[in-house]
Amino acid sequence: MSPLFQKTLERKSARRQRLMALPYPEKVRIVEQMRAAAREIRLAEVGSLVLREESPSYGGGNTAP
């Protein structure tokens, strides 16, 4: 296992330990924040406007003599 991957796993484990130690109300608050963020992402995906330009037609239109 590479040193970078090992360090990543150690940090992940430490973060899990910190989250497990949190009181229940704090865990609920974090989940609510995640839900709000997910809702914002969904709304941004649905509500985004995609501007599309017509592609130029090469060789098929009126050409000047």
C-alpha atoms as a PDB file:
ATOM      1  CA  MET A   1       0.000   0.000   0.000  1.00  0.00           C
ATOM      2  CA  SER A   2       1.387   3.400  -0.934  1.00  0.00           C
ATOM      3  CA  PRO A   3       2.220   5.895   1.834  1.00  0.00           C
ATOM      4  CA  LEU A   4      -0.297   8.379   0.437  1.00  0.00           C
ATOM      5  CA  PHE A   5      -3.090   5.805   0.446  1.00  0.00           C
ATOM      6  CA  GLN A   6      -2.147   4.713   3.969  1.00  0.00           C
ATOM      7  CA  LYS A   7      -2.277   8.326   5.169  1.00  0.00           C
ATOM      8  CA  THR A   8      -5.675   8.790   3.492  1.00  0.00           C
ATOM      9  CA  LEU A   9      -7.061   5.731   5.268  1.00  0.00           C
ATOM     10  CA  GLU A  10      -5.696   6.938   8.604  1.00  0.00           C
ATOM     11  CA  ARG A  11      -7.311  10.358   8.148  1.00  0.00           C
ATOM     12  CA  LYS A  12     -10.590   8.735   7.146  1.00  0.00           C
ATOM     13  CA  SER A  13     -10.531   6.577  10.267  1.00  0.00           C
ATOM     14  CA  ALA A  14      -9.741   9.572  12.486  1.00  0.00           C
ATOM     15  CA  ARG A  15     -12.607  11.546  10.947  1.00  0.00           C
ATOM     16  CA  ARG A  16     -15.001   8.661  11.545  1.00  0.00           C
ATOM     17  CA  GLN A  17     -13.898   8.510  15.185  1.00  0.00           C
ATOM     18  CA  ARG A  18     -14.499  12.270  15.596  1.00  0.00           C
ATOM     19  CA  LEU A  19     -17.954  11.981  14.023  1.00  0.00           C
ATOM     20  CA  MET A  20     -18.875   9.021  16.234  1.00  0.00           C
ATOM     21  CA  ALA A  21     -17.923  11.042  19.316  1.00  0.00           C
ATOM     22  CA  LEU A  22     -20.298  13.890  18.446  1.00  0.00           C
ATOM     23  CA  PRO A  23     -23.552  14.216  20.395  1.00  0.00           C
ATOM     24  CA  TYR A  24     -26.714  13.161  18.594  1.00  0.00           C
ATOM     25  CA  PRO A  25     -28.093  16.714  18.056  1.00  0.00           C
ATOM     26  CA  GLU A  26     -24.850  17.706  16.346  1.00  0.00           C
ATOM     27  CA  LYS A  27     -25.091  14.688  14.041  1.00  0.00           C
ATOM     28  CA  VAL A  28     -28.666  15.672  13.150  1.00  0.00           C
ATOM     29  CA  ARG A  29     -27.515  19.228  12.391  1.00  0.00           C
ATOM     30  CA  ILE A  30     -24.827  17.896  10.043  1.00  0.00           C
ATOM     31  CA  VAL A  31     -27.336  15.674   8.241  1.00  0.00           C
ATOM     32  CA  GLU A  32     -29.698  18.629   7.813  1.00  0.00           C
ATOM     33  CA  GLN A  33     -26.864  20.669   6.307  1.00  0.00           C
ATOM     34  CA  MET A  34     -26.127  17.840   3.873  1.00  0.00           C
ATOM     35  CA  ARG A  35     -29.806  17.634   2.898  1.00  0.00           C
ATOM     36  CA  ALA A  36     -29.948  21.379   2.266  1.00  0.00           C
ATOM     37  CA  ALA A  37     -26.820  21.187   0.119  1.00  0.00           C
ATOM     38  CA  ALA A  38     -28.237  18.266  -1.875  1.00  0.00           C
ATOM     39  CA  ARG A  39     -31.485  20.184  -2.408  1.00  0.00           C
ATOM     40  CA  GLU A  40     -29.548  23.212  -3.691  1.00  0.00           C
ATOM     41  CA  ILE A  41     -27.628  20.997  -6.102  1.00  0.00           C
ATOM     42  CA  ARG A  42     -30.837  19.411  -7.414  1.00  0.00           C
ATOM     43  CA  LEU A  43     -32.447  22.813  -7.878  1.00  0.00           C
ATOM     44  CA  ALA A  44     -29.384  24.096  -9.694  1.00  0.00           C
ATOM     45  CA  GLU A  45     -29.449  21.091 -12.033  1.00  0.00           C
ATOM     46  CA  VAL A  46     -33.155  21.424 -12.797  1.00  0.00           C
ATOM     47  CA  GLY A  47     -33.233  25.196 -12.990  1.00  0.00           C
ATOM     48  CA  SER A  48     -30.096  25.717 -15.018  1.00  0.00           C
ATOM     49  CA  LEU A  49     -30.495  27.332 -18.379  1.00  0.00           C
ATOM     50  CA  VAL A  50     -28.418  25.922 -21.149  1.00  0.00           C
ATOM     51  CA  LEU A  51     -27.796  28.354 -23.945  1.00  0.00           C
ATOM     52  CA  ARG A  52     -27.411  26.718 -27.304  1.00  0.00           C
ATOM     53  CA  GLU A  53     -26.284  28.433 -30.432  1.00  0.00           C
ATOM     54  CA  GLU A  54     -27.151  27.227 -33.878  1.00  0.00           C
ATOM     55  CA  SER A  55     -24.185  25.660 -35.545  1.00  0.00           C
ATOM     56  CA  PRO A  56     -23.165  27.337 -38.786  1.00  0.00           C
ATOM     57  CA  SER A  57     -24.124  25.527 -41.955  1.00  0.00           C
ATOM     58  CA  TYR A  58     -21.081  25.151 -44.133  1.00  0.00           C
ATOM     59  CA  GLY A  59     -21.672  24.854 -47.843  1.00  0.00           C
ATOM     60  CA  GLY A  60     -25.422  24.431 -47.652  1.00  0.00           C
ATOM     61  CA  GLY A  61     -26.706  27.990 -47.545  1.00  0.00           C
ATOM     62  CA  ASN A  62     -26.800  31.025 -49.805  1.00  0.00           C
ATOM     63  CA  THR A  63     -23.375  31.932 -51.020  1.00  0.00           C
ATOM     64  CA  ALA A  64     -22.435  35.240 -52.583  1.00  0.00           C
ATOM     65  CA  PRO A  65     -21.185  34.972 -56.229  1.00  0.00           C
END
